Amino acid sequence: MAKQDSLPADLLIAEHQLQDAISAALATGKAQRWSANLCFENLRVLPVALRLARALVDQGFSLLIAWPDAGTAALARREADDLSALIIDFKRLNQIKSSLPDARVLLAVAPQPFDYETFQSVCDGYSGPVVMLNGRLEDAAVGIGSVVRKRRRSFILTWHQAYWLQPLEGGALMRSYPKEWTVFRLDQDGYRQLSTFNARPDAETIFALLAKKNQVT
């Protein structure tokens, strides 16, 4: 794979990387489900989603923007008159998805564990590619049975990561399609690339890598 991009200096640069990664992923036609995550606390996902939507429209993609509920969809319409005709909520989308053109890209914004059933229904019956922005489908709730948990895990495994940016204690984790997953260490003069991975490294691997590097510096 190509060498990873450097860490973005600010959110705007990160968004440009995210937009490029999603465009590259969609252009391959290799998968129908892509996810992109900016893992920052207190991030306002609405403006990020609208800027991403405009970038995809400008690049010629036929787009539909789906929000988990009617309230968030209405707020998005108020914030973006130019995109209002493309904005819909999950429930309404489930009602009309069979009549939609196959080539339309679905941008699903921030589905959460409590949206899982509705969102899975949307995806299972959707014929075009789906991009999930800042979604979280994992649920550690004790009350979920093993059968439900297994089904949910199977659904999660159908997603491919187009972009991921996560600050860590003493470092960061990044992936920008088609490049590899990369762990960075925070030094006094900035971030340095430590190692790359074909798949997302787990927390233990990252911790061990950062700890080892810190011991020798």
N, C-alpha and C. Protein backbone atom coordinates (compact mmCIF):
# COMPACT_ATOMS: atom_id res chain seq x y z
N MET A 1 0.83 -1.20 0.00
CA MET A 1 0.00 0.00 0.00
C MET A 1 0.87 1.25 0.00
N ALA A 2 0.22 2.38 -0.34
CA ALA A 2 0.95 3.64 -0.36
C ALA A 2 1.24 4.10 1.04
N LYS A 3 2.24 4.94 1.16
CA LYS A 3 2.60 5.48 2.46
C LYS A 3 1.49 6.36 3.01
N GLN A 4 1.29 6.27 4.31
CA GLN A 4 0.21 7.01 4.96
C GLN A 4 0.43 8.52 4.87
N ASP A 5 -0.69 9.26 4.80
CA ASP A 5 -0.62 10.71 4.89
C ASP A 5 -0.11 11.10 6.28
N SER A 6 0.44 12.31 6.38
CA SER A 6 0.81 12.81 7.69
C SER A 6 -0.45 13.17 8.45
N LEU A 7 -0.33 13.26 9.78
CA LEU A 7 -1.49 13.63 10.58
C LEU A 7 -1.94 15.04 10.22
N PRO A 8 -3.24 15.27 10.12
CA PRO A 8 -3.73 16.61 9.79
C PRO A 8 -3.49 17.57 10.94
N ALA A 9 -3.21 18.82 10.58
CA ALA A 9 -2.93 19.84 11.60
C ALA A 9 -4.20 20.38 12.24
N ASP A 10 -5.33 20.24 11.56
CA ASP A 10 -6.59 20.74 12.11
C ASP A 10 -7.75 19.96 11.51
N LEU A 11 -8.95 20.25 11.97
CA LEU A 11 -10.13 19.53 11.53
C LEU A 11 -10.40 19.72 10.05
N LEU A 12 -10.17 20.90 9.54
CA LEU A 12 -10.44 21.17 8.13
C LEU A 12 -9.59 20.27 7.23
N ILE A 13 -8.31 20.13 7.57
CA ILE A 13 -7.44 19.26 6.79
C ILE A 13 -7.88 17.80 6.94
N ALA A 14 -8.27 17.42 8.14
CA ALA A 14 -8.77 16.06 8.35
C ALA A 14 -10.01 15.79 7.49
N GLU A 15 -10.88 16.78 7.40
CA GLU A 15 -12.08 16.60 6.58
C GLU A 15 -11.72 16.44 5.10
N HIS A 16 -10.73 17.18 4.62
CA HIS A 16 -10.31 17.03 3.23
C HIS A 16 -9.75 15.63 3.00
N GLN A 17 -8.96 15.12 3.95
CA GLN A 17 -8.45 13.76 3.83
C GLN A 17 -9.60 12.76 3.81
N LEU A 18 -10.56 12.96 4.69
CA LEU A 18 -11.72 12.07 4.77
C LEU A 18 -12.50 12.07 3.45
N GLN A 19 -12.72 13.25 2.91
CA GLN A 19 -13.44 13.35 1.64
C GLN A 19 -12.70 12.64 0.52
N ASP A 20 -11.39 12.82 0.46
CA ASP A 20 -10.60 12.15 -0.58
C ASP A 20 -10.63 10.64 -0.40
N ALA A 21 -10.55 10.18 0.85
CA ALA A 21 -10.55 8.74 1.11
C ALA A 21 -11.88 8.12 0.70
N ILE A 22 -12.98 8.77 1.02
CA ILE A 22 -14.29 8.24 0.66
C ILE A 22 -14.47 8.23 -0.86
N SER A 23 -14.04 9.29 -1.52
CA SER A 23 -14.14 9.34 -2.98
C SER A 23 -13.35 8.20 -3.61
N ALA A 24 -12.14 7.97 -3.10
CA ALA A 24 -11.30 6.90 -3.64
C ALA A 24 -11.93 5.54 -3.39
N ALA A 25 -12.51 5.37 -2.20
CA ALA A 25 -13.14 4.09 -1.88
C ALA A 25 -14.35 3.83 -2.77
N LEU A 26 -15.18 4.83 -2.95
CA LEU A 26 -16.37 4.66 -3.78
C LEU A 26 -16.00 4.41 -5.24
N ALA A 27 -14.92 5.04 -5.68
CA ALA A 27 -14.52 4.90 -7.09
C ALA A 27 -14.08 3.49 -7.43
N THR A 28 -13.64 2.72 -6.44
CA THR A 28 -13.18 1.36 -6.72
C THR A 28 -14.32 0.42 -7.07
N GLY A 29 -15.51 0.69 -6.50
CA GLY A 29 -16.63 -0.22 -6.71
C GLY A 29 -16.44 -1.58 -6.07
N LYS A 30 -15.46 -1.70 -5.16
CA LYS A 30 -15.13 -2.99 -4.57
C LYS A 30 -16.02 -3.38 -3.40
N ALA A 31 -16.66 -2.41 -2.77
CA ALA A 31 -17.48 -2.71 -1.60
C ALA A 31 -18.67 -1.77 -1.58
N GLN A 32 -19.73 -2.21 -0.93
CA GLN A 32 -20.95 -1.43 -0.86
C GLN A 32 -21.08 -0.64 0.44
N ARG A 33 -20.28 -0.99 1.45
CA ARG A 33 -20.43 -0.35 2.76
C ARG A 33 -19.09 0.17 3.25
N TRP A 34 -19.01 1.50 3.39
CA TRP A 34 -17.79 2.16 3.85
C TRP A 34 -18.11 3.01 5.07
N SER A 35 -17.17 3.04 5.99
CA SER A 35 -17.35 3.89 7.17
C SER A 35 -16.19 4.88 7.29
N ALA A 36 -16.48 6.01 7.91
CA ALA A 36 -15.47 7.04 8.14
C ALA A 36 -15.72 7.64 9.52
N ASN A 37 -14.64 7.79 10.29
CA ASN A 37 -14.79 8.23 11.67
C ASN A 37 -13.75 9.28 12.04
N LEU A 38 -14.23 10.38 12.59
CA LEU A 38 -13.40 11.38 13.25
C LEU A 38 -13.67 11.23 14.74
N CYS A 39 -12.72 10.65 15.46
CA CYS A 39 -12.96 10.25 16.86
C CYS A 39 -12.53 11.36 17.82
N PHE A 40 -13.27 12.45 17.79
CA PHE A 40 -12.99 13.58 18.66
C PHE A 40 -14.17 13.81 19.60
N GLU A 41 -13.88 14.05 20.87
CA GLU A 41 -14.94 14.36 21.82
C GLU A 41 -15.59 15.70 21.46
N ASN A 42 -16.89 15.75 21.64
CA ASN A 42 -17.68 16.96 21.43
C ASN A 42 -17.64 17.47 19.98
N LEU A 43 -17.34 16.58 19.04
CA LEU A 43 -17.36 16.97 17.63
C LEU A 43 -18.81 17.20 17.18
N ARG A 44 -19.05 18.31 16.53
CA ARG A 44 -20.37 18.57 15.94
C ARG A 44 -20.40 17.93 14.56
N VAL A 45 -21.11 16.81 14.47
CA VAL A 45 -21.07 16.02 13.24
C VAL A 45 -21.90 16.65 12.13
N LEU A 46 -22.90 17.46 12.47
CA LEU A 46 -23.76 18.05 11.44
C LEU A 46 -22.98 18.84 10.40
N PRO A 47 -22.18 19.84 10.78
CA PRO A 47 -21.44 20.58 9.74
C PRO A 47 -20.45 19.72 8.98
N VAL A 48 -19.85 18.74 9.66
CA VAL A 48 -18.93 17.83 8.96
C VAL A 48 -19.68 17.05 7.89
N ALA A 49 -20.85 16.55 8.26
CA ALA A 49 -21.65 15.76 7.31
C ALA A 49 -22.09 16.61 6.12
N LEU A 50 -22.48 17.83 6.36
CA LEU A 50 -22.94 18.69 5.27
C LEU A 50 -21.79 19.05 4.33
N ARG A 51 -20.62 19.31 4.88
CA ARG A 51 -19.47 19.60 4.03
C ARG A 51 -19.07 18.37 3.21
N LEU A 52 -19.15 17.19 3.82
CA LEU A 52 -18.86 15.96 3.08
C LEU A 52 -19.88 15.76 1.97
N ALA A 53 -21.13 15.98 2.27
CA ALA A 53 -22.18 15.81 1.27
C ALA A 53 -21.95 16.74 0.07
N ARG A 54 -21.63 17.99 0.37
CA ARG A 54 -21.40 18.94 -0.73
C ARG A 54 -20.19 18.53 -1.56
N ALA A 55 -19.15 18.02 -0.89
CA ALA A 55 -17.96 17.58 -1.63
C ALA A 55 -18.30 16.42 -2.56
N LEU A 56 -19.10 15.48 -2.09
CA LEU A 56 -19.48 14.33 -2.93
C LEU A 56 -20.37 14.76 -4.09
N VAL A 57 -21.29 15.67 -3.84
CA VAL A 57 -22.14 16.18 -4.92
C VAL A 57 -21.29 16.90 -5.96
N ASP A 58 -20.34 17.72 -5.50
CA ASP A 58 -19.47 18.44 -6.42
C ASP A 58 -18.63 17.49 -7.28
N GLN A 59 -18.34 16.31 -6.75
CA GLN A 59 -17.56 15.33 -7.49
C GLN A 59 -18.42 14.46 -8.40
N GLY A 60 -19.72 14.75 -8.44
CA GLY A 60 -20.58 14.07 -9.39
C GLY A 60 -21.33 12.86 -8.85
N PHE A 61 -21.24 12.61 -7.55
CA PHE A 61 -21.97 11.48 -6.98
C PHE A 61 -23.44 11.84 -6.79
N SER A 62 -24.32 10.92 -7.15
CA SER A 62 -25.73 11.05 -6.84
C SER A 62 -25.92 10.63 -5.40
N LEU A 63 -26.51 11.49 -4.57
CA LEU A 63 -26.42 11.33 -3.12
C LEU A 63 -27.79 11.38 -2.44
N LEU A 64 -27.88 10.66 -1.34
CA LEU A 64 -28.99 10.75 -0.40
C LEU A 64 -28.37 10.79 0.99
N ILE A 65 -28.85 11.70 1.86
CA ILE A 65 -28.27 11.89 3.18
C ILE A 65 -29.28 11.46 4.23
N ALA A 66 -28.97 10.41 4.98
CA ALA A 66 -29.93 9.84 5.92
C ALA A 66 -29.49 10.09 7.36
N TRP A 67 -30.47 10.50 8.18
CA TRP A 67 -30.25 10.77 9.59
C TRP A 67 -31.09 9.81 10.42
N PRO A 68 -30.67 9.51 11.64
CA PRO A 68 -31.37 8.49 12.43
C PRO A 68 -32.84 8.80 12.72
N ASP A 69 -33.22 10.06 12.83
CA ASP A 69 -34.60 10.37 13.19
C ASP A 69 -35.06 11.63 12.47
N ALA A 70 -36.36 11.87 12.53
CA ALA A 70 -36.95 13.00 11.81
C ALA A 70 -36.45 14.34 12.35
N GLY A 71 -36.17 14.41 13.65
CA GLY A 71 -35.71 15.65 14.24
C GLY A 71 -34.36 16.10 13.72
N THR A 72 -33.40 15.17 13.68
CA THR A 72 -32.07 15.53 13.17
C THR A 72 -32.11 15.81 11.67
N ALA A 73 -32.99 15.10 10.96
CA ALA A 73 -33.13 15.36 9.52
C ALA A 73 -33.69 16.76 9.29
N ALA A 74 -34.67 17.17 10.10
CA ALA A 74 -35.25 18.50 9.96
C ALA A 74 -34.22 19.58 10.27
N LEU A 75 -33.40 19.36 11.30
CA LEU A 75 -32.34 20.31 11.63
C LEU A 75 -31.36 20.45 10.47
N ALA A 76 -30.99 19.33 9.86
CA ALA A 76 -30.07 19.37 8.72
C ALA A 76 -30.66 20.15 7.56
N ARG A 77 -31.96 19.99 7.32
CA ARG A 77 -32.60 20.75 6.24
C ARG A 77 -32.55 22.25 6.52
N ARG A 78 -32.76 22.62 7.76
CA ARG A 78 -32.72 24.05 8.11
C ARG A 78 -31.32 24.63 7.92
N GLU A 79 -30.31 23.79 8.13
CA GLU A 79 -28.92 24.26 8.03
C GLU A 79 -28.41 24.24 6.59
N ALA A 80 -29.09 23.52 5.70
CA ALA A 80 -28.57 23.35 4.34
C ALA A 80 -29.71 23.34 3.33
N ASP A 81 -30.16 24.53 2.94
CA ASP A 81 -31.23 24.62 1.93
C ASP A 81 -30.83 23.95 0.63
N ASP A 82 -29.56 24.04 0.28
CA ASP A 82 -29.10 23.48 -0.99
C ASP A 82 -29.15 21.96 -1.01
N LEU A 83 -29.18 21.33 0.17
CA LEU A 83 -29.20 19.87 0.24
C LEU A 83 -30.53 19.33 0.75
N SER A 84 -31.49 20.19 1.02
CA SER A 84 -32.71 19.77 1.71
C SER A 84 -33.45 18.66 0.97
N ALA A 85 -33.43 18.70 -0.36
CA ALA A 85 -34.14 17.68 -1.14
C ALA A 85 -33.48 16.31 -1.04
N LEU A 86 -32.24 16.26 -0.56
CA LEU A 86 -31.49 15.00 -0.47
C LEU A 86 -31.53 14.40 0.93
N ILE A 87 -32.13 15.10 1.88
CA ILE A 87 -32.07 14.70 3.29
C ILE A 87 -33.32 13.91 3.68
N ILE A 88 -33.11 12.83 4.42
CA ILE A 88 -34.20 11.93 4.80
C ILE A 88 -33.84 11.27 6.13
N ASP A 89 -34.82 10.72 6.82
CA ASP A 89 -34.52 9.97 8.05
C ASP A 89 -34.65 8.48 7.78
N PHE A 90 -34.11 7.67 8.69
CA PHE A 90 -34.05 6.22 8.49
C PHE A 90 -35.44 5.61 8.28
N LYS A 91 -36.41 6.03 9.08
CA LYS A 91 -37.74 5.45 8.98
C LYS A 91 -38.37 5.70 7.61
N ARG A 92 -38.28 6.93 7.16
CA ARG A 92 -38.83 7.26 5.86
C ARG A 92 -38.08 6.54 4.74
N LEU A 93 -36.78 6.45 4.87
CA LEU A 93 -35.98 5.77 3.87
C LEU A 93 -36.38 4.30 3.75
N ASN A 94 -36.66 3.66 4.87
CA ASN A 94 -37.10 2.27 4.83
C ASN A 94 -38.38 2.11 4.02
N GLN A 95 -39.19 3.15 3.98
CA GLN A 95 -40.47 3.08 3.28
C GLN A 95 -40.32 3.24 1.77
N ILE A 96 -39.27 3.92 1.31
CA ILE A 96 -39.17 4.24 -0.12
C ILE A 96 -37.94 3.64 -0.79
N LYS A 97 -37.08 2.95 -0.06
CA LYS A 97 -35.78 2.55 -0.60
C LYS A 97 -35.88 1.66 -1.84
N SER A 98 -36.93 0.88 -1.94
CA SER A 98 -37.06 -0.03 -3.09
C SER A 98 -37.26 0.72 -4.40
N SER A 99 -37.68 1.97 -4.32
CA SER A 99 -37.94 2.74 -5.53
C SER A 99 -36.79 3.66 -5.91
N LEU A 100 -35.71 3.64 -5.12
CA LEU A 100 -34.60 4.55 -5.38
C LEU A 100 -33.65 4.00 -6.44
N PRO A 101 -32.98 4.89 -7.20
CA PRO A 101 -32.01 4.44 -8.20
C PRO A 101 -30.85 3.69 -7.55
N ASP A 102 -30.35 2.66 -8.23
CA ASP A 102 -29.26 1.84 -7.68
C ASP A 102 -27.97 2.62 -7.49
N ALA A 103 -27.72 3.61 -8.32
CA ALA A 103 -26.42 4.30 -8.30
C ALA A 103 -26.31 5.34 -7.20
N ARG A 104 -27.38 5.62 -6.49
CA ARG A 104 -27.34 6.71 -5.50
C ARG A 104 -26.55 6.28 -4.26
N VAL A 105 -25.59 7.11 -3.86
CA VAL A 105 -24.80 6.87 -2.66
C VAL A 105 -25.61 7.32 -1.44
N LEU A 106 -25.68 6.46 -0.43
CA LEU A 106 -26.36 6.81 0.81
C LEU A 106 -25.32 7.23 1.84
N LEU A 107 -25.39 8.47 2.30
CA LEU A 107 -24.55 8.96 3.38
C LEU A 107 -25.36 8.87 4.67
N ALA A 108 -25.05 7.92 5.52
CA ALA A 108 -25.77 7.71 6.78
C ALA A 108 -24.97 8.37 7.90
N VAL A 109 -25.61 9.30 8.60
CA VAL A 109 -24.90 10.13 9.55
C VAL A 109 -25.14 9.66 10.99
N ALA A 110 -24.06 9.23 11.62
CA ALA A 110 -23.98 8.97 13.06
C ALA A 110 -25.05 8.02 13.62
N PRO A 111 -25.29 6.87 13.01
CA PRO A 111 -26.17 5.90 13.67
C PRO A 111 -25.51 5.38 14.95
N GLN A 112 -26.31 5.19 15.99
CA GLN A 112 -25.83 4.74 17.29
C GLN A 112 -26.39 3.34 17.60
N PRO A 113 -25.90 2.71 18.65
CA PRO A 113 -26.38 1.35 18.96
C PRO A 113 -27.90 1.24 19.05
N PHE A 114 -28.57 2.25 19.58
CA PHE A 114 -30.02 2.17 19.69
C PHE A 114 -30.73 2.35 18.35
N ASP A 115 -29.98 2.74 17.29
CA ASP A 115 -30.53 2.83 15.94
C ASP A 115 -30.27 1.55 15.14
N TYR A 116 -29.65 0.58 15.77
CA TYR A 116 -29.11 -0.56 15.03
C TYR A 116 -30.16 -1.28 14.18
N GLU A 117 -31.28 -1.65 14.77
CA GLU A 117 -32.28 -2.43 14.05
C GLU A 117 -32.77 -1.69 12.80
N THR A 118 -33.11 -0.42 12.97
CA THR A 118 -33.60 0.36 11.84
C THR A 118 -32.52 0.56 10.80
N PHE A 119 -31.31 0.83 11.26
CA PHE A 119 -30.22 1.08 10.31
C PHE A 119 -29.86 -0.19 9.54
N GLN A 120 -29.83 -1.32 10.21
CA GLN A 120 -29.54 -2.56 9.49
C GLN A 120 -30.61 -2.84 8.44
N SER A 121 -31.86 -2.55 8.78
CA SER A 121 -32.94 -2.74 7.82
C SER A 121 -32.75 -1.83 6.60
N VAL A 122 -32.32 -0.60 6.84
CA VAL A 122 -32.04 0.32 5.75
C VAL A 122 -30.96 -0.25 4.84
N CYS A 123 -29.88 -0.71 5.43
CA CYS A 123 -28.73 -1.19 4.65
C CYS A 123 -29.03 -2.49 3.92
N ASP A 124 -29.73 -3.39 4.58
CA ASP A 124 -30.00 -4.69 3.97
C ASP A 124 -30.87 -4.58 2.73
N GLY A 125 -31.69 -3.56 2.66
CA GLY A 125 -32.54 -3.42 1.49
C GLY A 125 -32.11 -2.33 0.54
N TYR A 126 -30.91 -1.78 0.76
CA TYR A 126 -30.46 -0.66 -0.07
C TYR A 126 -29.55 -1.18 -1.17
N SER A 127 -29.84 -0.80 -2.40
CA SER A 127 -29.10 -1.37 -3.53
C SER A 127 -27.82 -0.63 -3.88
N GLY A 128 -27.68 0.62 -3.42
CA GLY A 128 -26.49 1.39 -3.75
C GLY A 128 -25.44 1.34 -2.65
N PRO A 129 -24.31 1.99 -2.85
CA PRO A 129 -23.27 2.03 -1.82
C PRO A 129 -23.70 2.89 -0.63
N VAL A 130 -23.22 2.52 0.56
CA VAL A 130 -23.54 3.25 1.78
C VAL A 130 -22.25 3.74 2.42
N VAL A 131 -22.22 4.99 2.82
CA VAL A 131 -21.12 5.58 3.58
C VAL A 131 -21.66 5.96 4.96
N MET A 132 -21.08 5.39 6.00
CA MET A 132 -21.51 5.67 7.37
C MET A 132 -20.50 6.62 8.01
N LEU A 133 -20.96 7.82 8.38
CA LEU A 133 -20.09 8.82 8.99
C LEU A 133 -20.28 8.83 10.50
N ASN A 134 -19.20 8.60 11.22
CA ASN A 134 -19.20 8.63 12.68
C ASN A 134 -20.31 7.78 13.28
N GLY A 135 -20.48 6.60 12.71
CA GLY A 135 -21.43 5.66 13.26
C GLY A 135 -20.80 4.83 14.36
N ARG A 136 -21.64 4.33 15.26
CA ARG A 136 -21.18 3.43 16.32
C ARG A 136 -22.21 2.32 16.46
N LEU A 137 -21.83 1.13 16.01
CA LEU A 137 -22.75 0.01 15.98
C LEU A 137 -22.49 -1.00 17.09
N GLU A 138 -21.30 -0.96 17.67
CA GLU A 138 -21.01 -1.87 18.78
C GLU A 138 -21.86 -1.49 19.98
N ASP A 139 -22.27 -2.51 20.75
CA ASP A 139 -23.05 -2.28 21.96
C ASP A 139 -22.64 -3.28 23.01
N ALA A 140 -22.09 -2.76 24.11
CA ALA A 140 -21.59 -3.62 25.18
C ALA A 140 -22.67 -3.91 26.22
N ALA A 141 -23.90 -3.59 25.93
CA ALA A 141 -24.98 -3.79 26.90
C ALA A 141 -25.09 -5.25 27.30
N VAL A 142 -25.17 -5.48 28.61
CA VAL A 142 -25.22 -6.85 29.13
C VAL A 142 -26.48 -7.56 28.69
N GLY A 143 -27.55 -6.81 28.46
CA GLY A 143 -28.83 -7.43 28.15
C GLY A 143 -28.94 -8.02 26.77
N ILE A 144 -27.99 -7.81 25.89
CA ILE A 144 -28.06 -8.34 24.53
C ILE A 144 -27.69 -9.82 24.56
N GLY A 145 -28.56 -10.66 24.01
CA GLY A 145 -28.30 -12.09 23.97
C GLY A 145 -27.22 -12.46 22.98
N SER A 146 -26.71 -13.67 23.10
CA SER A 146 -25.60 -14.11 22.25
C SER A 146 -26.00 -14.18 20.79
N VAL A 147 -27.24 -14.58 20.49
CA VAL A 147 -27.68 -14.67 19.10
C VAL A 147 -27.74 -13.28 18.48
N VAL A 148 -28.31 -12.34 19.22
CA VAL A 148 -28.40 -10.96 18.72
C VAL A 148 -27.01 -10.36 18.56
N ARG A 149 -26.15 -10.63 19.54
CA ARG A 149 -24.79 -10.10 19.47
C ARG A 149 -24.04 -10.66 18.26
N LYS A 150 -24.23 -11.93 17.97
CA LYS A 150 -23.57 -12.56 16.83
C LYS A 150 -24.08 -11.96 15.52
N ARG A 151 -25.38 -11.74 15.43
CA ARG A 151 -25.96 -11.15 14.22
C ARG A 151 -25.44 -9.73 14.03
N ARG A 152 -25.36 -9.00 15.12
CA ARG A 152 -24.86 -7.63 15.04
C ARG A 152 -23.40 -7.62 14.60
N ARG A 153 -22.61 -8.52 15.16
CA ARG A 153 -21.20 -8.60 14.79
C ARG A 153 -21.04 -8.94 13.32
N SER A 154 -21.87 -9.83 12.81
CA SER A 154 -21.81 -10.19 11.39
C SER A 154 -22.09 -8.98 10.51
N PHE A 155 -23.03 -8.14 10.92
CA PHE A 155 -23.34 -6.93 10.17
C PHE A 155 -22.18 -5.95 10.22
N ILE A 156 -21.58 -5.79 11.37
CA ILE A 156 -20.45 -4.87 11.53
C ILE A 156 -19.29 -5.28 10.63
N LEU A 157 -19.08 -6.57 10.47
CA LEU A 157 -17.96 -7.06 9.67
C LEU A 157 -18.14 -6.80 8.18
N THR A 158 -19.32 -6.38 7.76
CA THR A 158 -19.53 -6.09 6.33
C THR A 158 -19.02 -4.70 5.96
N TRP A 159 -18.58 -3.92 6.96
CA TRP A 159 -18.15 -2.54 6.70
C TRP A 159 -16.64 -2.47 6.48
N HIS A 160 -16.24 -1.59 5.58
CA HIS A 160 -14.83 -1.33 5.28
C HIS A 160 -14.50 0.10 5.69
N GLN A 161 -13.36 0.27 6.34
CA GLN A 161 -12.99 1.58 6.86
C GLN A 161 -12.32 2.42 5.80
N ALA A 162 -12.96 3.52 5.40
CA ALA A 162 -12.36 4.44 4.45
C ALA A 162 -11.47 5.46 5.15
N TYR A 163 -11.88 5.89 6.33
CA TYR A 163 -11.09 6.89 7.06
C TYR A 163 -11.30 6.70 8.55
N TRP A 164 -10.19 6.89 9.29
CA TRP A 164 -10.24 6.81 10.75
C TRP A 164 -9.16 7.72 11.30
N LEU A 165 -9.55 8.59 12.22
CA LEU A 165 -8.58 9.46 12.89
C LEU A 165 -8.94 9.50 14.37
N GLN A 166 -8.02 9.01 15.20
CA GLN A 166 -8.30 8.89 16.64
C GLN A 166 -7.11 9.37 17.45
N PRO A 167 -7.27 10.43 18.23
CA PRO A 167 -6.21 10.81 19.16
C PRO A 167 -6.08 9.76 20.26
N LEU A 168 -4.84 9.50 20.67
CA LEU A 168 -4.55 8.56 21.75
C LEU A 168 -3.69 9.26 22.78
N GLU A 169 -3.58 8.66 23.95
CA GLU A 169 -2.68 9.21 24.95
C GLU A 169 -1.24 9.00 24.48
N GLY A 170 -0.59 10.08 24.12
CA GLY A 170 0.79 9.99 23.63
C GLY A 170 0.91 9.62 22.18
N GLY A 171 -0.19 9.67 21.42
CA GLY A 171 -0.09 9.30 20.02
C GLY A 171 -1.40 9.47 19.28
N ALA A 172 -1.52 8.76 18.15
CA ALA A 172 -2.73 8.83 17.34
C ALA A 172 -2.78 7.61 16.42
N LEU A 173 -3.98 7.26 16.00
CA LEU A 173 -4.20 6.17 15.06
C LEU A 173 -4.95 6.73 13.86
N MET A 174 -4.46 6.37 12.65
CA MET A 174 -5.05 6.93 11.44
C MET A 174 -5.10 5.90 10.33
N ARG A 175 -6.16 5.99 9.54
CA ARG A 175 -6.24 5.23 8.30
C ARG A 175 -6.96 6.09 7.26
N SER A 176 -6.37 6.23 6.09
CA SER A 176 -6.97 6.98 5.00
C SER A 176 -6.87 6.13 3.74
N TYR A 177 -7.99 5.59 3.30
CA TYR A 177 -8.01 4.67 2.14
C TYR A 177 -7.37 5.33 0.92
N PRO A 178 -6.53 4.60 0.18
CA PRO A 178 -6.22 3.17 0.27
C PRO A 178 -4.97 2.84 1.10
N LYS A 179 -4.56 3.78 1.90
CA LYS A 179 -3.32 3.60 2.67
C LYS A 179 -3.57 2.75 3.90
N GLU A 180 -2.49 2.36 4.56
CA GLU A 180 -2.58 1.45 5.69
C GLU A 180 -2.97 2.16 6.98
N TRP A 181 -3.30 1.36 7.99
CA TRP A 181 -3.47 1.87 9.34
C TRP A 181 -2.10 2.24 9.91
N THR A 182 -2.01 3.39 10.54
CA THR A 182 -0.73 3.88 11.02
C THR A 182 -0.85 4.37 12.46
N VAL A 183 0.12 3.98 13.28
CA VAL A 183 0.22 4.47 14.65
C VAL A 183 1.29 5.56 14.69
N PHE A 184 0.95 6.69 15.27
CA PHE A 184 1.87 7.81 15.43
C PHE A 184 2.15 8.02 16.91
N ARG A 185 3.37 8.45 17.22
CA ARG A 185 3.75 8.81 18.59
C ARG A 185 3.92 10.32 18.68
N LEU A 186 3.46 10.90 19.78
CA LEU A 186 3.62 12.32 20.00
C LEU A 186 4.94 12.59 20.70
N ASP A 187 5.85 13.26 20.00
CA ASP A 187 7.13 13.67 20.57
C ASP A 187 7.11 15.18 20.83
N GLN A 188 8.19 15.67 21.39
CA GLN A 188 8.25 17.10 21.70
C GLN A 188 8.17 17.96 20.45
N ASP A 189 8.64 17.45 19.33
CA ASP A 189 8.63 18.22 18.08
C ASP A 189 7.50 17.81 17.15
N GLY A 190 6.53 17.06 17.66
CA GLY A 190 5.39 16.69 16.82
C GLY A 190 5.18 15.19 16.77
N TYR A 191 4.32 14.76 15.86
CA TYR A 191 3.98 13.35 15.73
C TYR A 191 4.94 12.64 14.77
N ARG A 192 5.33 11.43 15.16
CA ARG A 192 6.19 10.61 14.32
C ARG A 192 5.50 9.27 14.04
N GLN A 193 5.62 8.81 12.80
CA GLN A 193 5.05 7.53 12.43
C GLN A 193 5.85 6.40 13.06
N LEU A 194 5.16 5.47 13.73
CA LEU A 194 5.83 4.34 14.37
C LEU A 194 5.73 3.07 13.55
N SER A 195 4.50 2.71 13.16
CA SER A 195 4.32 1.44 12.48
C SER A 195 3.03 1.46 11.69
N THR A 196 2.96 0.60 10.66
CA THR A 196 1.75 0.48 9.84
C THR A 196 1.22 -0.94 9.91
N PHE A 197 -0.09 -1.07 9.65
CA PHE A 197 -0.77 -2.36 9.74
C PHE A 197 -1.76 -2.50 8.59
N ASN A 198 -1.93 -3.72 8.11
CA ASN A 198 -2.91 -3.97 7.06
C ASN A 198 -4.34 -3.87 7.60
N ALA A 199 -4.53 -4.21 8.87
CA ALA A 199 -5.83 -4.13 9.52
C ALA A 199 -5.72 -3.27 10.77
N ARG A 200 -6.84 -2.83 11.28
CA ARG A 200 -6.83 -1.98 12.46
C ARG A 200 -6.22 -2.69 13.65
N PRO A 201 -5.16 -2.15 14.24
CA PRO A 201 -4.54 -2.79 15.41
C PRO A 201 -5.42 -2.65 16.63
N ASP A 202 -5.39 -3.66 17.51
CA ASP A 202 -6.21 -3.58 18.71
C ASP A 202 -5.53 -2.71 19.76
N ALA A 203 -6.26 -2.42 20.83
CA ALA A 203 -5.77 -1.50 21.86
C ALA A 203 -4.48 -2.00 22.50
N GLU A 204 -4.40 -3.32 22.72
CA GLU A 204 -3.21 -3.89 23.36
C GLU A 204 -1.97 -3.71 22.49
N THR A 205 -2.13 -3.91 21.19
CA THR A 205 -1.01 -3.74 20.26
C THR A 205 -0.53 -2.30 20.25
N ILE A 206 -1.47 -1.37 20.21
CA ILE A 206 -1.11 0.04 20.19
C ILE A 206 -0.41 0.43 21.49
N PHE A 207 -0.97 0.00 22.62
CA PHE A 207 -0.37 0.34 23.91
C PHE A 207 1.05 -0.19 24.01
N ALA A 208 1.25 -1.45 23.60
CA ALA A 208 2.57 -2.05 23.66
C ALA A 208 3.56 -1.32 22.76
N LEU A 209 3.10 -0.92 21.59
CA LEU A 209 3.96 -0.21 20.64
C LEU A 209 4.39 1.15 21.20
N LEU A 210 3.45 1.90 21.74
CA LEU A 210 3.78 3.21 22.30
C LEU A 210 4.66 3.08 23.54
N ALA A 211 4.38 2.09 24.37
CA ALA A 211 5.18 1.87 25.58
C ALA A 211 6.60 1.48 25.24
N LYS A 212 6.76 0.63 24.24
CA LYS A 212 8.10 0.19 23.84
C LYS A 212 8.91 1.35 23.31
N LYS A 213 8.30 2.17 22.48
CA LYS A 213 9.00 3.30 21.90
C LYS A 213 9.36 4.34 22.97
N ASN A 214 8.46 4.51 23.92
CA ASN A 214 8.73 5.47 24.99
C ASN A 214 9.90 5.04 25.86
N GLN A 215 10.13 3.71 25.98
CA GLN A 215 11.20 3.20 26.81
C GLN A 215 12.58 3.45 26.21
N VAL A 216 12.62 3.57 24.88
CA VAL A 216 13.92 3.69 24.23
C VAL A 216 14.23 5.13 23.83
N THR A 217 13.34 6.08 24.19
CA THR A 217 13.60 7.47 23.83
C THR A 217 13.89 8.29 25.08
